[in-house]
Amino acid sequence: MILRQLQQLIGGIYDVSVTHDVYDFLVTNRAQLPAVARHGTNDEELIVAEEQDAVGVSLYLDPALLARLQQSNPMVRLDQRNVADYWTALEGVSHFLYFAWNAGHDKPVTLLELELQAEIDKYVASYLLLKRQFPERFPTELMHVLFERTRIDSRLANGREPLYRAATRHAEKFCRRLSQSLRESRSAMENGVLAELRRFYRLTDARKVAHIERGA
């Protein structure tokens, strides 16, 4: 249920929807994945397999992670006990939704796009969730925890550390600017902020980066 809630949360922010339910693509047993992905160690992984004119997609999430989220549901209360698992699950749903939505519009996506958008989704979705749960306070800790305390695990990066660093660097710039706009909003997220997020979601990776650098 929580993954469907995350799909609806992200989809609502960006005004995007797909006809597919994330649970229809969820795999929790690595033995059921394509051979190339069976021996991975990541708790979350989007697997895309292309065969001739067909594309197969699977979202792997560690079953222990999902069990922990059931015990400590971040949709009810997001805090230090469940935020790491919440972000892992949210990243997977973000990857799935972004890939599926772009595929539905015949738009190719790059790994940089997927990772950049997922980092921004973590901030925006967490901000909205925390504002719903604690409406009287601004979640100032989000930027610190998400971008300053988080480190890339080279054992899990599979040689893609530069890509992840670039995605995180660009996402942090975007979210710092967004944070200022959110502080000035009278509501949790005004129309102007939503409009910018929705325009940004629909850009290519190069245009996303250019947009961020122009506003830095």
C-alpha atoms as a PDB file:
ATOM      1  CA  MET A   1       0.000   0.000   0.000  1.00  0.00           C
ATOM      2  CA  ILE A   2       2.762   2.443   0.885  1.00  0.00           C
ATOM      3  CA  LEU A   3       4.314   2.281  -2.591  1.00  0.00           C
ATOM      4  CA  ARG A   4       0.978   3.145  -4.164  1.00  0.00           C
ATOM      5  CA  GLN A   5       0.687   6.083  -1.762  1.00  0.00           C
ATOM      6  CA  LEU A   6       4.141   7.256  -2.818  1.00  0.00           C
ATOM      7  CA  GLN A   7       3.210   6.914  -6.496  1.00  0.00           C
ATOM      8  CA  GLN A   8       0.108   9.028  -5.870  1.00  0.00           C
ATOM      9  CA  LEU A   9       2.078  11.584  -3.830  1.00  0.00           C
ATOM     10  CA  ILE A  10       4.733  12.108  -6.508  1.00  0.00           C
ATOM     11  CA  GLY A  11       2.197  11.987  -9.320  1.00  0.00           C
ATOM     12  CA  GLY A  12       0.080  14.637  -7.622  1.00  0.00           C
ATOM     13  CA  ILE A  13       3.020  16.978  -7.141  1.00  0.00           C
ATOM     14  CA  TYR A  14       3.970  16.890 -10.808  1.00  0.00           C
ATOM     15  CA  ASP A  15       0.496  16.335 -12.271  1.00  0.00           C
ATOM     16  CA  VAL A  16       1.580  13.130 -13.988  1.00  0.00           C
ATOM     17  CA  SER A  17      -0.079   9.753 -14.044  1.00  0.00           C
ATOM     18  CA  VAL A  18       0.533   6.403 -15.663  1.00  0.00           C
ATOM     19  CA  THR A  19      -1.870   3.548 -16.216  1.00  0.00           C
ATOM     20  CA  HIS A  20       0.482   1.166 -14.402  1.00  0.00           C
ATOM     21  CA  ASP A  21       0.478   0.381 -10.694  1.00  0.00           C
ATOM     22  CA  VAL A  22       3.948   0.130  -9.196  1.00  0.00           C
ATOM     23  CA  TYR A  23       2.963  -3.084  -7.408  1.00  0.00           C
ATOM     24  CA  ASP A  24       2.479  -4.816 -10.755  1.00  0.00           C
ATOM     25  CA  PHE A  25       6.210  -4.348 -11.397  1.00  0.00           C
ATOM     26  CA  LEU A  26       7.497  -4.947  -7.881  1.00  0.00           C
ATOM     27  CA  VAL A  27       9.933  -7.792  -7.283  1.00  0.00           C
ATOM     28  CA  THR A  28      11.124  -8.671  -3.776  1.00  0.00           C
ATOM     29  CA  ASN A  29      12.974 -11.884  -4.635  1.00  0.00           C
ATOM     30  CA  ARG A  30      16.219 -11.347  -6.550  1.00  0.00           C
ATOM     31  CA  ALA A  31      16.006 -14.868  -7.972  1.00  0.00           C
ATOM     32  CA  GLN A  32      13.079 -13.641 -10.102  1.00  0.00           C
ATOM     33  CA  LEU A  33      15.127 -10.837 -11.694  1.00  0.00           C
ATOM     34  CA  PRO A  34      17.022 -11.095 -14.986  1.00  0.00           C
ATOM     35  CA  ALA A  35      20.307 -12.958 -14.535  1.00  0.00           C
ATOM     36  CA  VAL A  36      22.404  -9.798 -14.775  1.00  0.00           C
ATOM     37  CA  ALA A  37      20.677  -8.305 -11.712  1.00  0.00           C
ATOM     38  CA  ARG A  38      20.323 -11.340  -9.464  1.00  0.00           C
ATOM     39  CA  HIS A  39      23.530 -10.871  -7.522  1.00  0.00           C
ATOM     40  CA  GLY A  40      23.163  -7.179  -6.745  1.00  0.00           C
ATOM     41  CA  THR A  41      23.280  -5.870  -3.193  1.00  0.00           C
ATOM     42  CA  ASN A  42      21.245  -2.659  -3.454  1.00  0.00           C
ATOM     43  CA  ASP A  43      18.011  -2.457  -1.458  1.00  0.00           C
ATOM     44  CA  GLU A  44      16.423  -0.675  -4.437  1.00  0.00           C
ATOM     45  CA  GLU A  45      16.985  -1.123  -8.142  1.00  0.00           C
ATOM     46  CA  LEU A  46      15.027  -0.348 -11.301  1.00  0.00           C
ATOM     47  CA  ILE A  47      15.802  -2.973 -13.928  1.00  0.00           C
ATOM     48  CA  VAL A  48      15.070  -2.142 -17.560  1.00  0.00           C
ATOM     49  CA  ALA A  49      15.504  -4.935 -20.118  1.00  0.00           C
ATOM     50  CA  GLU A  50      15.125  -4.199 -23.832  1.00  0.00           C
ATOM     51  CA  GLU A  51      14.370  -6.991 -26.292  1.00  0.00           C
ATOM     52  CA  GLN A  52      13.778  -6.027 -29.920  1.00  0.00           C
ATOM     53  CA  ASP A  53      10.790  -3.640 -29.780  1.00  0.00           C
ATOM     54  CA  ALA A  54       9.727  -4.517 -26.236  1.00  0.00           C
ATOM     55  CA  VAL A  55      10.869  -3.107 -22.902  1.00  0.00           C
ATOM     56  CA  GLY A  56      10.542  -4.971 -19.636  1.00  0.00           C
ATOM     57  CA  VAL A  57      10.661  -3.113 -16.321  1.00  0.00           C
ATOM     58  CA  SER A  58      11.004  -4.425 -12.785  1.00  0.00           C
ATOM     59  CA  LEU A  59      11.412  -2.536  -9.528  1.00  0.00           C
ATOM     60  CA  TYR A  60      13.318  -4.472  -6.908  1.00  0.00           C
ATOM     61  CA  LEU A  61      12.902  -3.502  -3.262  1.00  0.00           C
ATOM     62  CA  ASP A  62      14.342  -5.441  -0.380  1.00  0.00           C
ATOM     63  CA  PRO A  63      11.552  -7.297   1.479  1.00  0.00           C
ATOM     64  CA  ALA A  64      13.059  -6.467   4.887  1.00  0.00           C
ATOM     65  CA  LEU A  65      12.922  -2.768   3.988  1.00  0.00           C
ATOM     66  CA  LEU A  66       9.239  -3.041   3.071  1.00  0.00           C
ATOM     67  CA  ALA A  67       8.530  -4.907   6.299  1.00  0.00           C
ATOM     68  CA  ARG A  68      10.180  -2.154   8.334  1.00  0.00           C
ATOM     69  CA  LEU A  69       8.081   0.472   6.578  1.00  0.00           C
ATOM     70  CA  GLN A  70       4.960  -1.482   7.441  1.00  0.00           C
ATOM     71  CA  GLN A  71       5.992  -1.439  11.098  1.00  0.00           C
ATOM     72  CA  SER A  72       6.962   2.245  11.095  1.00  0.00           C
ATOM     73  CA  ASN A  73       4.822   3.906   8.453  1.00  0.00           C
ATOM     74  CA  PRO A  74       6.329   7.239   7.275  1.00  0.00           C
ATOM     75  CA  MET A  75       2.988   8.250   5.780  1.00  0.00           C
ATOM     76  CA  VAL A  76       1.729   8.435   9.377  1.00  0.00           C
ATOM     77  CA  ARG A  77       4.895   9.776  10.982  1.00  0.00           C
ATOM     78  CA  LEU A  78       8.156  10.473   9.159  1.00  0.00           C
ATOM     79  CA  ASP A  79      11.118  10.650  11.529  1.00  0.00           C
ATOM     80  CA  GLN A  80      14.685   9.469  12.085  1.00  0.00           C
ATOM     81  CA  ARG A  81      13.561   5.869  12.598  1.00  0.00           C
ATOM     82  CA  ASN A  82      12.175   5.396   9.100  1.00  0.00           C
ATOM     83  CA  VAL A  83      13.526   8.224   6.921  1.00  0.00           C
ATOM     84  CA  ALA A  84      16.343   6.157   5.358  1.00  0.00           C
ATOM     85  CA  ASP A  85      13.971   3.338   4.363  1.00  0.00           C
ATOM     86  CA  TYR A  86      11.380   5.882   3.221  1.00  0.00           C
ATOM     87  CA  TRP A  87      13.884   7.570   0.917  1.00  0.00           C
ATOM     88  CA  THR A  88      15.005   4.236  -0.512  1.00  0.00           C
ATOM     89  CA  ALA A  89      11.428   3.225  -1.320  1.00  0.00           C
ATOM     90  CA  LEU A  90      10.600   6.705  -2.621  1.00  0.00           C
ATOM     91  CA  GLU A  91      13.630   6.631  -4.898  1.00  0.00           C
ATOM     92  CA  GLY A  92      12.441   3.370  -6.410  1.00  0.00           C
ATOM     93  CA  VAL A  93       8.929   4.688  -6.983  1.00  0.00           C
ATOM     94  CA  SER A  94      10.372   7.924  -8.408  1.00  0.00           C
ATOM     95  CA  HIS A  95      12.496   5.960 -10.869  1.00  0.00           C
ATOM     96  CA  PHE A  96       9.539   3.809 -11.871  1.00  0.00           C
ATOM     97  CA  LEU A  97       7.118   6.692 -12.357  1.00  0.00           C
ATOM     98  CA  TYR A  98       9.586   8.900 -14.222  1.00  0.00           C
ATOM     99  CA  PHE A  99      10.591   6.077 -16.568  1.00  0.00           C
ATOM    100  CA  ALA A 100       6.995   4.952 -17.170  1.00  0.00           C
ATOM    101  CA  TRP A 101       5.695   8.482 -17.764  1.00  0.00           C
ATOM    102  CA  ASN A 102       8.450   9.320 -20.236  1.00  0.00           C
ATOM    103  CA  ALA A 103       8.076   5.977 -21.984  1.00  0.00           C
ATOM    104  CA  GLY A 104       4.375   6.726 -22.374  1.00  0.00           C
ATOM    105  CA  HIS A 105       5.354   9.928 -24.200  1.00  0.00           C
ATOM    106  CA  ASP A 106       8.027   8.200 -26.317  1.00  0.00           C
ATOM    107  CA  LYS A 107      10.763  10.138 -24.528  1.00  0.00           C
ATOM    108  CA  PRO A 108      14.072   8.449 -23.726  1.00  0.00           C
ATOM    109  CA  VAL A 109      15.579   9.052 -20.288  1.00  0.00           C
ATOM    110  CA  THR A 110      19.156   9.031 -19.049  1.00  0.00           C
ATOM    111  CA  LEU A 111      20.542   7.762 -15.762  1.00  0.00           C
ATOM    112  CA  LEU A 112      21.385  11.343 -14.812  1.00  0.00           C
ATOM    113  CA  GLU A 113      17.732  12.338 -15.290  1.00  0.00           C
ATOM    114  CA  LEU A 114      16.512   9.456 -13.151  1.00  0.00           C
ATOM    115  CA  GLU A 115      18.930  10.164 -10.311  1.00  0.00           C
ATOM    116  CA  LEU A 116      18.539  13.946 -10.403  1.00  0.00           C
ATOM    117  CA  GLN A 117      14.751  13.758 -10.387  1.00  0.00           C
ATOM    118  CA  ALA A 118      14.759  11.179  -7.597  1.00  0.00           C
ATOM    119  CA  GLU A 119      16.885  13.400  -5.340  1.00  0.00           C
ATOM    120  CA  ILE A 120      14.524  16.317  -5.914  1.00  0.00           C
ATOM    121  CA  ASP A 121      11.523  14.060  -5.346  1.00  0.00           C
ATOM    122  CA  LYS A 122      12.970  13.016  -1.977  1.00  0.00           C
ATOM    123  CA  TYR A 123      13.130  16.630  -0.861  1.00  0.00           C
ATOM    124  CA  VAL A 124       9.772  17.759  -2.237  1.00  0.00           C
ATOM    125  CA  ALA A 125       7.772  14.702  -1.172  1.00  0.00           C
ATOM    126  CA  SER A 126       9.357  14.736   2.295  1.00  0.00           C
ATOM    127  CA  TYR A 127       8.666  18.448   2.680  1.00  0.00           C
ATOM    128  CA  LEU A 128       4.985  17.948   1.832  1.00  0.00           C
ATOM    129  CA  LEU A 129       4.663  14.943   4.109  1.00  0.00           C
ATOM    130  CA  LEU A 130       6.280  16.732   7.047  1.00  0.00           C
ATOM    131  CA  LYS A 131       4.120  19.821   6.516  1.00  0.00           C
ATOM    132  CA  ARG A 132       1.021  17.633   6.640  1.00  0.00           C
ATOM    133  CA  GLN A 133       2.193  15.925   9.820  1.00  0.00           C
ATOM    134  CA  PHE A 134       3.589  19.055  11.508  1.00  0.00           C
ATOM    135  CA  PRO A 135       1.814  22.007   9.845  1.00  0.00           C
ATOM    136  CA  GLU A 136       3.156  24.631  12.244  1.00  0.00           C
ATOM    137  CA  ARG A 137       6.845  24.131  11.501  1.00  0.00           C
ATOM    138  CA  PHE A 138       9.160  24.374   8.497  1.00  0.00           C
ATOM    139  CA  PRO A 139      11.315  21.236   8.070  1.00  0.00           C
ATOM    140  CA  THR A 140      14.686  23.015   8.066  1.00  0.00           C
ATOM    141  CA  GLU A 141      16.532  19.768   8.760  1.00  0.00           C
ATOM    142  CA  LEU A 142      15.667  18.295   5.362  1.00  0.00           C
ATOM    143  CA  MET A 143      18.451  19.996   3.400  1.00  0.00           C
ATOM    144  CA  HIS A 144      21.063  19.023   5.974  1.00  0.00           C
ATOM    145  CA  VAL A 145      20.027  15.390   6.282  1.00  0.00           C
ATOM    146  CA  LEU A 146      19.408  14.808   2.594  1.00  0.00           C
ATOM    147  CA  PHE A 147      22.362  16.618   1.046  1.00  0.00           C
ATOM    148  CA  GLU A 148      24.983  17.215   3.721  1.00  0.00           C
ATOM    149  CA  ARG A 149      24.886  14.035   5.783  1.00  0.00           C
ATOM    150  CA  THR A 150      24.242  11.590   2.941  1.00  0.00           C
ATOM    151  CA  ARG A 151      27.287   9.884   1.412  1.00  0.00           C
ATOM    152  CA  ILE A 152      27.655   7.756  -1.730  1.00  0.00           C
ATOM    153  CA  ASP A 153      28.572   4.154  -0.944  1.00  0.00           C
ATOM    154  CA  SER A 154      31.193   3.202  -3.534  1.00  0.00           C
ATOM    155  CA  ARG A 155      30.404  -0.487  -2.970  1.00  0.00           C
ATOM    156  CA  LEU A 156      26.873   0.084  -4.238  1.00  0.00           C
ATOM    157  CA  ALA A 157      27.614   2.707  -6.887  1.00  0.00           C
ATOM    158  CA  ASN A 158      29.132   0.198  -9.343  1.00  0.00           C
ATOM    159  CA  GLY A 159      31.577   2.728 -10.761  1.00  0.00           C
ATOM    160  CA  ARG A 160      28.945   5.432 -11.204  1.00  0.00           C
ATOM    161  CA  GLU A 161      30.108   7.706  -8.397  1.00  0.00           C
ATOM    162  CA  PRO A 162      30.656  10.719 -10.745  1.00  0.00           C
ATOM    163  CA  LEU A 163      27.092  10.415 -12.050  1.00  0.00           C
ATOM    164  CA  TYR A 164      25.608  10.215  -8.537  1.00  0.00           C
ATOM    165  CA  ARG A 165      27.739  13.137  -7.350  1.00  0.00           C
ATOM    166  CA  ALA A 166      26.615  15.253 -10.308  1.00  0.00           C
ATOM    167  CA  ALA A 167      22.954  14.382  -9.714  1.00  0.00           C
ATOM    168  CA  THR A 168      23.245  15.217  -6.005  1.00  0.00           C
ATOM    169  CA  ARG A 169      25.105  18.471  -6.660  1.00  0.00           C
ATOM    170  CA  HIS A 170      22.506  19.714  -9.140  1.00  0.00           C
ATOM    171  CA  ALA A 171      19.604  18.560  -6.956  1.00  0.00           C
ATOM    172  CA  GLU A 172      21.016  20.384  -3.935  1.00  0.00           C
ATOM    173  CA  LYS A 173      21.272  23.649  -5.889  1.00  0.00           C
ATOM    174  CA  PHE A 174      17.706  23.301  -7.122  1.00  0.00           C
ATOM    175  CA  CYS A 175      16.309  22.378  -3.712  1.00  0.00           C
ATOM    176  CA  ARG A 176      18.115  25.209  -1.892  1.00  0.00           C
ATOM    177  CA  ARG A 177      16.446  27.697  -4.201  1.00  0.00           C
ATOM    178  CA  LEU A 178      13.143  25.866  -3.883  1.00  0.00           C
ATOM    179  CA  SER A 179      13.461  25.933  -0.094  1.00  0.00           C
ATOM    180  CA  GLN A 180      13.545  29.719  -0.137  1.00  0.00           C
ATOM    181  CA  SER A 181      10.369  29.846  -2.218  1.00  0.00           C
ATOM    182  CA  LEU A 182       8.667  27.391   0.121  1.00  0.00           C
ATOM    183  CA  ARG A 183       9.607  29.472   3.160  1.00  0.00           C
ATOM    184  CA  GLU A 184       7.857  32.430   1.582  1.00  0.00           C
ATOM    185  CA  SER A 185       4.717  30.468   0.679  1.00  0.00           C
ATOM    186  CA  ARG A 186       1.561  31.104   2.644  1.00  0.00           C
ATOM    187  CA  SER A 187       0.421  27.533   2.006  1.00  0.00           C
ATOM    188  CA  ALA A 188       2.413  24.301   1.983  1.00  0.00           C
ATOM    189  CA  MET A 189       3.034  24.706  -1.740  1.00  0.00           C
ATOM    190  CA  GLU A 190       1.669  27.616  -3.751  1.00  0.00           C
ATOM    191  CA  ASN A 191       0.720  27.439  -7.405  1.00  0.00           C
ATOM    192  CA  GLY A 192       3.906  29.176  -8.525  1.00  0.00           C
ATOM    193  CA  VAL A 193       6.092  26.566  -6.830  1.00  0.00           C
ATOM    194  CA  LEU A 194       4.009  23.709  -8.228  1.00  0.00           C
ATOM    195  CA  ALA A 195       4.149  25.237 -11.713  1.00  0.00           C
ATOM    196  CA  GLU A 196       7.944  25.395 -11.583  1.00  0.00           C
ATOM    197  CA  LEU A 197       8.215  21.822 -10.356  1.00  0.00           C
ATOM    198  CA  ARG A 198       5.894  20.595 -13.089  1.00  0.00           C
ATOM    199  CA  ARG A 199       7.795  22.449 -15.823  1.00  0.00           C
ATOM    200  CA  PHE A 200      11.072  21.120 -14.495  1.00  0.00           C
ATOM    201  CA  TYR A 201       9.789  17.521 -14.424  1.00  0.00           C
ATOM    202  CA  ARG A 202       9.138  17.649 -18.154  1.00  0.00           C
ATOM    203  CA  LEU A 203      12.604  18.905 -19.153  1.00  0.00           C
ATOM    204  CA  THR A 204      15.394  16.727 -20.515  1.00  0.00           C
ATOM    205  CA  ASP A 205      18.524  16.169 -18.428  1.00  0.00           C
ATOM    206  CA  ALA A 206      20.506  18.839 -20.298  1.00  0.00           C
ATOM    207  CA  ARG A 207      17.703  21.388 -19.928  1.00  0.00           C
ATOM    208  CA  LYS A 208      17.282  20.487 -16.256  1.00  0.00           C
ATOM    209  CA  VAL A 209      20.963  21.164 -15.605  1.00  0.00           C
ATOM    210  CA  ALA A 210      20.866  24.394 -17.616  1.00  0.00           C
ATOM    211  CA  HIS A 211      17.803  25.569 -15.679  1.00  0.00           C
ATOM    212  CA  ILE A 212      19.538  24.869 -12.368  1.00  0.00           C
ATOM    213  CA  GLU A 213      22.752  26.621 -13.366  1.00  0.00           C
ATOM    214  CA  ARG A 214      20.892  29.688 -14.601  1.00  0.00           C
ATOM    215  CA  GLY A 215      19.191  30.043 -11.257  1.00  0.00           C
ATOM    216  CA  ALA A 216      22.253  29.255  -9.095  1.00  0.00           C
END
